[in-house]
PDB file of N, CA and C in Angstrom:
ATOM      1  N   MET A   1     123.544 107.419  55.945  1.00  0.00           N
ATOM      2  CA  MET A   1     123.910 106.248  56.712  1.00  0.00           C
ATOM      3  C   MET A   1     122.665 105.391  56.935  1.00  0.00           C
ATOM      4  N   ASN A   2     122.771 104.116  56.682  1.00  0.00           N
ATOM      5  CA  ASN A   2     121.662 103.191  56.877  1.00  0.00           C
ATOM      6  C   ASN A   2     121.505 102.858  58.341  1.00  0.00           C
ATOM      7  N   GLU A   3     120.251 102.716  58.738  1.00  0.00           N
ATOM      8  CA  GLU A   3     119.967 102.340  60.132  1.00  0.00           C
ATOM      9  C   GLU A   3     119.990 100.825  60.246  1.00  0.00           C
ATOM     10  N   THR A   4     120.807 100.318  61.167  1.00  0.00           N
ATOM     11  CA  THR A   4     120.911  98.889  61.411  1.00  0.00           C
ATOM     12  C   THR A   4     120.213  98.564  62.725  1.00  0.00           C
ATOM     13  N   MET A   5     119.216  97.679  62.674  1.00  0.00           N
ATOM     14  CA  MET A   5     118.467  97.295  63.862  1.00  0.00           C
ATOM     15  C   MET A   5     119.208  96.166  64.575  1.00  0.00           C
ATOM     16  N   PHE A   6     119.556  96.391  65.859  1.00  0.00           N
ATOM     17  CA  PHE A   6     120.254  95.379  66.651  1.00  0.00           C
ATOM     18  C   PHE A   6     119.288  94.511  67.448  1.00  0.00           C
ATOM     19  N   PHE A   7     118.190  95.106  67.903  1.00  0.00           N
ATOM     20  CA  PHE A   7     117.226  94.385  68.739  1.00  0.00           C
ATOM     21  C   PHE A   7     115.861  95.017  68.538  1.00  0.00           C
ATOM     22  N   ASN A   8     114.811  94.170  68.436  1.00  0.00           N
ATOM     23  CA  ASN A   8     113.450  94.683  68.325  1.00  0.00           C
ATOM     24  C   ASN A   8     112.494  93.600  68.803  1.00  0.00           C
ATOM     25  N   ASP A   9     111.769  93.892  69.892  1.00  0.00           N
ATOM     26  CA  ASP A   9     110.762  92.939  70.359  1.00  0.00           C
ATOM     27  C   ASP A   9     109.371  93.563  70.403  1.00  0.00           C
ATOM     28  N   GLY A  10     109.182  94.676  69.722  1.00  0.00           N
ATOM     29  CA  GLY A  10     107.882  95.336  69.685  1.00  0.00           C
ATOM     30  C   GLY A  10     107.805  96.507  70.640  1.00  0.00           C
ATOM     31  N   GLN A  11     108.145  96.304  71.907  1.00  0.00           N
ATOM     32  CA  GLN A  11     108.111  97.372  72.906  1.00  0.00           C
ATOM     33  C   GLN A  11     109.451  98.085  73.029  1.00  0.00           C
ATOM     34  N   VAL A  12     110.530  97.364  72.754  1.00  0.00           N
ATOM     35  CA  VAL A  12     111.881  97.913  72.883  1.00  0.00           C
ATOM     36  C   VAL A  12     112.626  97.636  71.582  1.00  0.00           C
ATOM     37  N   ALA A  13     113.285  98.672  71.053  1.00  0.00           N
ATOM     38  CA  ALA A  13     114.078  98.506  69.834  1.00  0.00           C
ATOM     39  C   ALA A  13     115.366  99.307  69.971  1.00  0.00           C
ATOM     40  N   VAL A  14     116.464  98.719  69.501  1.00  0.00           N
ATOM     41  CA  VAL A  14     117.766  99.376  69.547  1.00  0.00           C
ATOM     42  C   VAL A  14     118.387  99.296  68.165  1.00  0.00           C
ATOM     43  N   SER A  15     118.774 100.438  67.645  1.00  0.00           N
ATOM     44  CA  SER A  15     119.481 100.481  66.364  1.00  0.00           C
ATOM     45  C   SER A  15     120.732 101.328  66.546  1.00  0.00           C
ATOM     46  N   ASN A  16     121.499 101.477  65.483  1.00  0.00           N
ATOM     47  CA  ASN A  16     122.686 102.327  65.573  1.00  0.00           C
ATOM     48  C   ASN A  16     122.318 103.802  65.637  1.00  0.00           C
ATOM     49  N   ALA A  17     121.073 104.158  65.330  1.00  0.00           N
ATOM     50  CA  ALA A  17     120.645 105.558  65.343  1.00  0.00           C
ATOM     51  C   ALA A  17     119.690 105.895  66.484  1.00  0.00           C
ATOM     52  N   ARG A  18     118.890 104.903  66.960  1.00  0.00           N
ATOM     53  CA  ARG A  18     117.841 105.190  67.945  1.00  0.00           C
ATOM     54  C   ARG A  18     117.718 104.093  68.985  1.00  0.00           C
ATOM     55  N   PHE A  19     117.237 104.508  70.163  1.00  0.00           N
ATOM     56  CA  PHE A  19     116.853 103.585  71.233  1.00  0.00           C
ATOM     57  C   PHE A  19     115.402 103.907  71.534  1.00  0.00           C
ATOM     58  N   MET A  20     114.493 102.977  71.230  1.00  0.00           N
ATOM     59  CA  MET A  20     113.063 103.212  71.400  1.00  0.00           C
ATOM     60  C   MET A  20     112.526 102.269  72.454  1.00  0.00           C
ATOM     61  N   VAL A  21     111.859 102.833  73.460  1.00  0.00           N
ATOM     62  CA  VAL A  21     111.304 102.025  74.541  1.00  0.00           C
ATOM     63  C   VAL A  21     109.942 102.579  74.931  1.00  0.00           C
ATOM     64  N   PHE A  22     108.906 101.733  74.789  1.00  0.00           N
ATOM     65  CA  PHE A  22     107.524 102.059  75.168  1.00  0.00           C
ATOM     66  C   PHE A  22     107.081 103.416  74.634  1.00  0.00           C
ATOM     67  N   GLY A  23     107.326 103.675  73.355  1.00  0.00           N
ATOM     68  CA  GLY A  23     106.856 104.901  72.713  1.00  0.00           C
ATOM     69  C   GLY A  23     107.786 106.095  72.826  1.00  0.00           C
ATOM     70  N   LYS A  24     108.839 106.010  73.605  1.00  0.00           N
ATOM     71  CA  LYS A  24     109.814 107.099  73.712  1.00  0.00           C
ATOM     72  C   LYS A  24     111.030 106.752  72.865  1.00  0.00           C
ATOM     73  N   THR A  25     111.570 107.760  72.182  1.00  0.00           N
ATOM     74  CA  THR A  25     112.729 107.549  71.324  1.00  0.00           C
ATOM     75  C   THR A  25     113.883 108.417  71.800  1.00  0.00           C
ATOM     76  N   TYR A  26     115.050 107.803  71.911  1.00  0.00           N
ATOM     77  CA  TYR A  26     116.268 108.505  72.290  1.00  0.00           C
ATOM     78  C   TYR A  26     117.259 108.385  71.136  1.00  0.00           C
ATOM     79  N   ALA A  27     117.852 109.488  70.740  1.00  0.00           N
ATOM     80  CA  ALA A  27     118.846 109.465  69.677  1.00  0.00           C
ATOM     81  C   ALA A  27     120.142 108.876  70.223  1.00  0.00           C
ATOM     82  N   MET A  28     120.708 107.918  69.517  1.00  0.00           N
ATOM     83  CA  MET A  28     121.929 107.259  69.990  1.00  0.00           C
ATOM     84  C   MET A  28     123.132 108.199  69.978  1.00  0.00           C
ATOM     85  N   ASN A  29     123.129 109.216  69.103  1.00  0.00           N
ATOM     86  CA  ASN A  29     124.263 110.139  69.103  1.00  0.00           C
ATOM     87  C   ASN A  29     124.276 111.014  70.353  1.00  0.00           C
ATOM     88  N   ALA A  30     123.158 111.083  71.084  1.00  0.00           N
ATOM     89  CA  ALA A  30     123.102 111.851  72.329  1.00  0.00           C
ATOM     90  C   ALA A  30     123.478 111.000  73.539  1.00  0.00           C
ATOM     91  N   VAL A  31     123.487 109.677  73.374  1.00  0.00           N
ATOM     92  CA  VAL A  31     123.791 108.774  74.490  1.00  0.00           C
ATOM     93  C   VAL A  31     125.309 108.678  74.654  1.00  0.00           C
ATOM     94  N   VAL A  32     125.776 109.027  75.858  1.00  0.00           N
ATOM     95  CA  VAL A  32     127.204 108.990  76.164  1.00  0.00           C
ATOM     96  C   VAL A  32     127.604 107.610  76.665  1.00  0.00           C
ATOM     97  N   SER A  33     126.781 107.029  77.550  1.00  0.00           N
ATOM     98  CA  SER A  33     127.041 105.695  78.083  1.00  0.00           C
ATOM     99  C   SER A  33     125.724 105.091  78.542  1.00  0.00           C
ATOM    100  N   VAL A  34     125.769 103.793  78.793  1.00  0.00           N
ATOM    101  CA  VAL A  34     124.580 103.088  79.269  1.00  0.00           C
ATOM    102  C   VAL A  34     124.969 102.315  80.518  1.00  0.00           C
ATOM    103  N   GLY A  35     124.185 102.509  81.579  1.00  0.00           N
ATOM    104  CA  GLY A  35     124.442 101.816  82.835  1.00  0.00           C
ATOM    105  C   GLY A  35     123.310 100.859  83.173  1.00  0.00           C
ATOM    106  N   HIS A  36     123.520 100.111  84.235  1.00  0.00           N
ATOM    107  CA  HIS A  36     122.546  99.123  84.696  1.00  0.00           C
ATOM    108  C   HIS A  36     122.462  99.202  86.211  1.00  0.00           C
ATOM    109  N   TRP A  37     121.255  99.341  86.730  1.00  0.00           N
ATOM    110  CA  TRP A  37     121.043  99.323  88.182  1.00  0.00           C
ATOM    111  C   TRP A  37     120.224  98.090  88.515  1.00  0.00           C
ATOM    112  N   THR A  38     120.397  97.604  89.722  1.00  0.00           N
ATOM    113  CA  THR A  38     119.555  96.536  90.240  1.00  0.00           C
ATOM    114  C   THR A  38     118.944  97.022  91.545  1.00  0.00           C
ATOM    115  N   GLN A  39     117.623  97.031  91.597  1.00  0.00           N
ATOM    116  CA  GLN A  39     116.908  97.488  92.779  1.00  0.00           C
ATOM    117  C   GLN A  39     116.328  96.274  93.492  1.00  0.00           C
ATOM    118  N   SER A  40     116.754  96.053  94.714  1.00  0.00           N
ATOM    119  CA  SER A  40     116.271  94.905  95.492  1.00  0.00           C
ATOM    120  C   SER A  40     114.841  95.146  95.954  1.00  0.00           C
ATOM    121  N   PRO A  41     114.035  94.090  96.000  1.00  0.00           N
ATOM    122  CA  PRO A  41     112.660  94.250  96.478  1.00  0.00           C
ATOM    123  C   PRO A  41     112.631  94.481  97.983  1.00  0.00           C
ATOM    124  N   SER A  42     111.590  95.124  98.433  1.00  0.00           N
ATOM    125  CA  SER A  42     111.415  95.352  99.867  1.00  0.00           C
ATOM    126  C   SER A  42     110.920  94.069 100.527  1.00  0.00           C
ATOM    127  N   ALA A  43     111.559  93.688 101.606  1.00  0.00           N
ATOM    128  CA  ALA A  43     111.183  92.461 102.305  1.00  0.00           C
ATOM    129  C   ALA A  43     110.403  92.747 103.582  1.00  0.00           C
ATOM    130  N   VAL A  44     109.980  93.983 103.793  1.00  0.00           N
ATOM    131  CA  VAL A  44     109.329  94.360 105.049  1.00  0.00           C
ATOM    132  C   VAL A  44     108.008  93.620 105.252  1.00  0.00           C
ATOM    133  N   MET A  45     107.117  93.668 104.274  1.00  0.00           N
ATOM    134  CA  MET A  45     105.805  93.048 104.451  1.00  0.00           C
ATOM    135  C   MET A  45     105.882  91.522 104.564  1.00  0.00           C
ATOM    136  N   PRO A  46     106.658  90.828 103.721  1.00  0.00           N
ATOM    137  CA  PRO A  46     106.743  89.379 103.918  1.00  0.00           C
ATOM    138  C   PRO A  46     107.314  89.005 105.284  1.00  0.00           C
ATOM    139  N   ILE A  47     108.300  89.751 105.753  1.00  0.00           N
ATOM    140  CA  ILE A  47     108.881  89.464 107.071  1.00  0.00           C
ATOM    141  C   ILE A  47     107.861  89.710 108.177  1.00  0.00           C
ATOM    142  N   LEU A  48     107.080  90.783 108.057  1.00  0.00           N
ATOM    143  CA  LEU A  48     106.039  91.050 109.060  1.00  0.00           C
ATOM    144  C   LEU A  48     105.004  89.924 109.084  1.00  0.00           C
ATOM    145  N   LEU A  49     104.613  89.423 107.908  1.00  0.00           N
ATOM    146  CA  LEU A  49     103.664  88.307 107.868  1.00  0.00           C
ATOM    147  C   LEU A  49     104.255  87.049 108.496  1.00  0.00           C
ATOM    148  N   ILE A  50     105.503  86.771 108.197  1.00  0.00           N
ATOM    149  CA  ILE A  50     106.158  85.589 108.766  1.00  0.00           C
ATOM    150  C   ILE A  50     106.266  85.703 110.279  1.00  0.00           C
ATOM    151  N   VAL A  51     106.663  86.859 110.779  1.00  0.00           N
ATOM    152  CA  VAL A  51     106.787  87.065 112.233  1.00  0.00           C
ATOM    153  C   VAL A  51     105.419  86.939 112.899  1.00  0.00           C
ATOM    154  N   ALA A  52     104.383  87.536 112.297  1.00  0.00           N
ATOM    155  CA  ALA A  52     103.033  87.426 112.869  1.00  0.00           C
ATOM    156  C   ALA A  52     102.575  85.965 112.892  1.00  0.00           C
ATOM    157  N   GLY A  53     102.894  85.213 111.845  1.00  0.00           N
ATOM    158  CA  GLY A  53     102.530  83.803 111.798  1.00  0.00           C
ATOM    159  C   GLY A  53     103.241  82.988 112.850  1.00  0.00           C
ATOM    160  N   VAL A  54     104.535  83.236 113.037  1.00  0.00           N
ATOM    161  CA  VAL A  54     105.306  82.501 114.048  1.00  0.00           C
ATOM    162  C   VAL A  54     104.798  82.826 115.445  1.00  0.00           C
ATOM    163  N   ILE A  55     104.546  84.101 115.708  1.00  0.00           N
ATOM    164  CA  ILE A  55     104.026  84.498 117.029  1.00  0.00           C
ATOM    165  C   ILE A  55     102.676  83.834 117.287  1.00  0.00           C
ATOM    166  N   SER A  56     101.821  83.821 116.284  1.00  0.00           N
ATOM    167  CA  SER A  56     100.506  83.189 116.450  1.00  0.00           C
ATOM    168  C   SER A  56     100.627  81.675 116.651  1.00  0.00           C
ATOM    169  N   LEU A  57     101.554  81.042 115.921  1.00  0.00           N
ATOM    170  CA  LEU A  57     101.745  79.603 116.106  1.00  0.00           C
ATOM    171  C   LEU A  57     102.310  79.280 117.485  1.00  0.00           C
ATOM    172  N   LEU A  58     103.232  80.117 117.982  1.00  0.00           N
ATOM    173  CA  LEU A  58     103.762  79.904 119.333  1.00  0.00           C
ATOM    174  C   LEU A  58     102.672  80.088 120.382  1.00  0.00           C
ATOM    175  N   GLY A  59     101.800  81.070 120.164  1.00  0.00           N
ATOM    176  CA  GLY A  59     100.664  81.264 121.067  1.00  0.00           C
ATOM    177  C   GLY A  59      99.708  80.080 121.019  1.00  0.00           C
ATOM    178  N   ALA A  60      99.545  79.512 119.827  1.00  0.00           N
ATOM    179  CA  ALA A  60      98.662  78.356 119.679  1.00  0.00           C
ATOM    180  C   ALA A  60      99.221  77.142 120.405  1.00  0.00           C
ATOM    181  N   LEU A  61     100.551  76.987 120.388  1.00  0.00           N
ATOM    182  CA  LEU A  61     101.158  75.864 121.104  1.00  0.00           C
ATOM    183  C   LEU A  61     100.966  75.992 122.603  1.00  0.00           C
ATOM    184  N   SER A  62     101.138  77.205 123.116  1.00  0.00           N
ATOM    185  CA  SER A  62     101.004  77.383 124.565  1.00  0.00           C
ATOM    186  C   SER A  62      99.546  77.321 125.014  1.00  0.00           C
ATOM    187  N   ALA A  63      98.611  77.780 124.188  1.00  0.00           N
ATOM    188  CA  ALA A  63      97.193  77.781 124.561  1.00  0.00           C
ATOM    189  C   ALA A  63      96.463  76.543 124.056  1.00  0.00           C
ATOM    190  N   LYS A  64      97.131  75.732 123.250  1.00  0.00           N
ATOM    191  CA  LYS A  64      96.527  74.547 122.640  1.00  0.00           C
ATOM    192  C   LYS A  64      95.233  74.908 121.908  1.00  0.00           C
ATOM    193  N   SER A  65      95.343  75.955 121.095  1.00  0.00           N
ATOM    194  CA  SER A  65      94.186  76.462 120.363  1.00  0.00           C
ATOM    195  C   SER A  65      94.375  76.192 118.871  1.00  0.00           C
ATOM    196  N   TRP A  66      93.442  75.461 118.267  1.00  0.00           N
ATOM    197  CA  TRP A  66      93.529  75.195 116.839  1.00  0.00           C
ATOM    198  C   TRP A  66      93.237  76.450 116.041  1.00  0.00           C
ATOM    199  N   PHE A  67      92.392  77.346 116.590  1.00  0.00           N
ATOM    200  CA  PHE A  67      92.047  78.579 115.886  1.00  0.00           C
ATOM    201  C   PHE A  67      93.268  79.489 115.763  1.00  0.00           C
ATOM    202  N   ALA A  68      94.044  79.614 116.828  1.00  0.00           N
ATOM    203  CA  ALA A  68      95.263  80.436 116.775  1.00  0.00           C
ATOM    204  C   ALA A  68      96.273  79.824 115.819  1.00  0.00           C
ATOM    205  N   ALA A  69      96.310  78.478 115.754  1.00  0.00           N
ATOM    206  CA  ALA A  69      97.213  77.815 114.809  1.00  0.00           C
ATOM    207  C   ALA A  69      96.771  78.089 113.372  1.00  0.00           C
ATOM    208  N   LEU A  70      95.469  78.096 113.137  1.00  0.00           N
ATOM    209  CA  LEU A  70      94.944  78.411 111.809  1.00  0.00           C
ATOM    210  C   LEU A  70      95.305  79.844 111.406  1.00  0.00           C
ATOM    211  N   ILE A  71      95.117  80.767 112.315  1.00  0.00           N
ATOM    212  CA  ILE A  71      95.473  82.174 112.043  1.00  0.00           C
ATOM    213  C   ILE A  71      96.973  82.288 111.775  1.00  0.00           C
ATOM    214  N   GLY A  72      97.775  81.585 112.553  1.00  0.00           N
ATOM    215  CA  GLY A  72      99.222  81.600 112.340  1.00  0.00           C
ATOM    216  C   GLY A  72      99.593  81.101 110.955  1.00  0.00           C
ATOM    217  N   GLY A  73      98.937  80.024 110.522  1.00  0.00           N
ATOM    218  CA  GLY A  73      99.183  79.502 109.180  1.00  0.00           C
ATOM    219  C   GLY A  73      98.742  80.454 108.094  1.00  0.00           C
ATOM    220  N   LEU A  74      97.635  81.182 108.351  1.00  0.00           N
ATOM    221  CA  LEU A  74      97.144  82.157 107.368  1.00  0.00           C
ATOM    222  C   LEU A  74      98.103  83.347 107.213  1.00  0.00           C
ATOM    223  N   PHE A  75      98.919  83.596 108.204  1.00  0.00           N
ATOM    224  CA  PHE A  75      99.945  84.632 108.082  1.00  0.00           C
ATOM    225  C   PHE A  75     101.261  84.058 107.558  1.00  0.00           C
ATOM    226  N   LEU A  76     101.636  82.900 108.073  1.00  0.00           N
ATOM    227  CA  LEU A  76     102.951  82.328 107.783  1.00  0.00           C
ATOM    228  C   LEU A  76     103.099  81.877 106.322  1.00  0.00           C
ATOM    229  N   VAL A  77     102.144  81.139 105.811  1.00  0.00           N
ATOM    230  CA  VAL A  77     102.252  80.587 104.455  1.00  0.00           C
ATOM    231  C   VAL A  77     102.314  81.696 103.394  1.00  0.00           C
ATOM    232  N   PRO A  78     101.402  82.681 103.398  1.00  0.00           N
ATOM    233  CA  PRO A  78     101.535  83.751 102.396  1.00  0.00           C
ATOM    234  C   PRO A  78     102.830  84.550 102.545  1.00  0.00           C
ATOM    235  N   GLY A  79     103.288  84.740 103.778  1.00  0.00           N
ATOM    236  CA  GLY A  79     104.544  85.466 103.983  1.00  0.00           C
ATOM    237  C   GLY A  79     105.733  84.748 103.365  1.00  0.00           C
ATOM    238  N   ILE A  80     105.786  83.432 103.541  1.00  0.00           N
ATOM    239  CA  ILE A  80     106.874  82.642 102.965  1.00  0.00           C
ATOM    240  C   ILE A  80     106.770  82.635 101.437  1.00  0.00           C
ATOM    241  N   LEU A  81     105.548  82.443 100.902  1.00  0.00           N
ATOM    242  CA  LEU A  81     105.374  82.452  99.445  1.00  0.00           C
ATOM    243  C   LEU A  81     105.744  83.800  98.842  1.00  0.00           C
ATOM    244  N   TRP A  82     105.307  84.892  99.476  1.00  0.00           N
ATOM    245  CA  TRP A  82     105.607  86.241  98.989  1.00  0.00           C
ATOM    246  C   TRP A  82     107.118  86.476  98.987  1.00  0.00           C
ATOM    247  N   ALA A  83     107.779  86.108 100.070  1.00  0.00           N
ATOM    248  CA  ALA A  83     109.231  86.309 100.164  1.00  0.00           C
ATOM    249  C   ALA A  83     109.971  85.491  99.110  1.00  0.00           C
ATOM    250  N   SER A  84     109.492  84.286  98.821  1.00  0.00           N
ATOM    251  CA  SER A  84     110.188  83.432  97.850  1.00  0.00           C
ATOM    252  C   SER A  84     109.953  83.865  96.405  1.00  0.00           C
ATOM    253  N   LYS A  85     108.873  84.563  96.125  1.00  0.00           N
ATOM    254  CA  LYS A  85     108.532  84.959  94.756  1.00  0.00           C
ATOM    255  C   LYS A  85     109.084  86.329  94.357  1.00  0.00           C
ATOM    256  N   GLN A  86     109.644  87.086  95.294  1.00  0.00           N
ATOM    257  CA  GLN A  86     110.128  88.422  94.965  1.00  0.00           C
ATOM    258  C   GLN A  86     111.363  88.358  94.091  1.00  0.00           C
ATOM    259  N   LYS A  87     111.430  89.272  93.108  1.00  0.00           N
ATOM    260  CA  LYS A  87     112.583  89.358  92.222  1.00  0.00           C
ATOM    261  C   LYS A  87     113.090  90.800  92.220  1.00  0.00           C
ATOM    262  N   PRO A  88     114.381  90.991  92.009  1.00  0.00           N
ATOM    263  CA  PRO A  88     114.894  92.357  91.900  1.00  0.00           C
ATOM    264  C   PRO A  88     114.464  92.995  90.577  1.00  0.00           C
ATOM    265  N   THR A  89     114.430  94.320  90.550  1.00  0.00           N
ATOM    266  CA  THR A  89     114.118  95.072  89.339  1.00  0.00           C
ATOM    267  C   THR A  89     115.419  95.515  88.699  1.00  0.00           C
ATOM    268  N   HIS A  90     115.571  95.217  87.414  1.00  0.00           N
ATOM    269  CA  HIS A  90     116.760  95.608  86.663  1.00  0.00           C
ATOM    270  C   HIS A  90     116.403  96.832  85.821  1.00  0.00           C
ATOM    271  N   ILE A  91     117.240  97.865  85.880  1.00  0.00           N
ATOM    272  CA  ILE A  91     116.946  99.140  85.245  1.00  0.00           C
ATOM    273  C   ILE A  91     118.061  99.499  84.275  1.00  0.00           C
ATOM    274  N   VAL A  92     117.683  99.851  83.033  1.00  0.00           N
ATOM    275  CA  VAL A  92     118.631 100.335  82.030  1.00  0.00           C
ATOM    276  C   VAL A  92     118.657 101.854  82.123  1.00  0.00           C
ATOM    277  N   VAL A  93     119.866 102.409  82.270  1.00  0.00           N
ATOM    278  CA  VAL A  93     120.014 103.853  82.489  1.00  0.00           C
ATOM    279  C   VAL A  93     120.974 104.437  81.453  1.00  0.00           C
ATOM    280  N   PRO A  94     120.439 104.997  80.347  1.00  0.00           N
ATOM    281  CA  PRO A  94     121.326 105.693  79.413  1.00  0.00           C
ATOM    282  C   PRO A  94     121.682 107.079  79.943  1.00  0.00           C
ATOM    283  N   SER A  95     122.930 107.470  79.762  1.00  0.00           N
ATOM    284  CA  SER A  95     123.385 108.797  80.175  1.00  0.00           C
ATOM    285  C   SER A  95     123.569 109.666  78.946  1.00  0.00           C
ATOM    286  N   THR A  96     123.046 110.873  79.011  1.00  0.00           N
ATOM    287  CA  THR A  96     123.227 111.856  77.949  1.00  0.00           C
ATOM    288  C   THR A  96     123.935 113.065  78.539  1.00  0.00           C
ATOM    289  N   SER A  97     124.188 114.058  77.719  1.00  0.00           N
ATOM    290  CA  SER A  97     124.836 115.267  78.226  1.00  0.00           C
ATOM    291  C   SER A  97     123.946 116.012  79.211  1.00  0.00           C
ATOM    292  N   SER A  98     122.640 115.774  79.162  1.00  0.00           N
ATOM    293  CA  SER A  98     121.720 116.437  80.091  1.00  0.00           C
ATOM    294  C   SER A  98     121.444 115.624  81.350  1.00  0.00           C
ATOM    295  N   GLY A  99     122.022 114.425  81.484  1.00  0.00           N
ATOM    296  CA  GLY A  99     121.852 113.629  82.696  1.00  0.00           C
ATOM    297  C   GLY A  99     121.466 112.194  82.403  1.00  0.00           C
ATOM    298  N   GLU A 100     121.138 111.464  83.462  1.00  0.00           N
ATOM    299  CA  GLU A 100     120.754 110.060  83.342  1.00  0.00           C
ATOM    300  C   GLU A 100     119.243 109.931  83.216  1.00  0.00           C
ATOM    301  N   LEU A 101     118.810 108.928  82.459  1.00  0.00           N
ATOM    302  CA  LEU A 101     117.399 108.656  82.259  1.00  0.00           C
ATOM    303  C   LEU A 101     117.114 107.216  82.648  1.00  0.00           C
ATOM    304  N   GLN A 102     116.046 106.985  83.376  1.00  0.00           N
ATOM    305  CA  GLN A 102     115.634 105.612  83.668  1.00  0.00           C
ATOM    306  C   GLN A 102     114.731 105.188  82.520  1.00  0.00           C
ATOM    307  N   ALA A 103     115.310 104.531  81.534  1.00  0.00           N
ATOM    308  CA  ALA A 103     114.592 104.232  80.301  1.00  0.00           C
ATOM    309  C   ALA A 103     113.747 102.974  80.382  1.00  0.00           C
ATOM    310  N   LEU A 104     114.231 101.942  81.049  1.00  0.00           N
ATOM    311  CA  LEU A 104     113.541 100.660  81.046  1.00  0.00           C
ATOM    312  C   LEU A 104     113.775  99.955  82.373  1.00  0.00           C
ATOM    313  N   ALA A 105     112.700  99.471  82.977  1.00  0.00           N
ATOM    314  CA  ALA A 105     112.805  98.693  84.215  1.00  0.00           C
ATOM    315  C   ALA A 105     112.044  97.391  84.027  1.00  0.00           C
ATOM    316  N   SER A 106     112.651  96.275  84.448  1.00  0.00           N
ATOM    317  CA  SER A 106     112.043  94.979  84.276  1.00  0.00           C
ATOM    318  C   SER A 106     112.493  94.018  85.363  1.00  0.00           C
ATOM    319  N   LYS A 107     111.620  93.114  85.735  1.00  0.00           N
ATOM    320  CA  LYS A 107     111.973  92.045  86.670  1.00  0.00           C
ATOM    321  C   LYS A 107     112.424  90.804  85.912  1.00  0.00           C
ATOM    322  N   ASP A 108     112.250  90.798  84.601  1.00  0.00           N
ATOM    323  CA  ASP A 108     112.641  89.667  83.763  1.00  0.00           C
ATOM    324  C   ASP A 108     114.069  89.878  83.279  1.00  0.00           C
ATOM    325  N   TYR A 109     114.979  89.133  83.857  1.00  0.00           N
ATOM    326  CA  TYR A 109     116.390  89.198  83.467  1.00  0.00           C
ATOM    327  C   TYR A 109     116.965  87.816  83.669  1.00  0.00           C
ATOM    328  N   PRO A 110     117.671  87.309  82.694  1.00  0.00           N
ATOM    329  CA  PRO A 110     118.161  85.923  82.828  1.00  0.00           C
ATOM    330  C   PRO A 110     119.068  85.712  83.996  1.00  0.00           C
TER     331      PRO A 110
END
């Protein structure tokens, strides 16, 4: 039987006989099904930065302190940028008779 390549970008290749990802090869005849997970990013640190920035800015308003306002901005702006730039991780999970494998994880998904 001839091997037909369906996808190949150098790091990941899929054919009718093999699934190759980052140097690991999985035989397609052993793959029972393929699933997809989406893992949401943790928002704890960006939220903590935003809260610290807001608290510092509120303190700056009550104390009329430019230094406290500067500190508030140094927390608030990176927190907002970090929160806006986070992307979920998409994971390809082939299932075999021996269990599920996390074969490929990427934040790049259309």
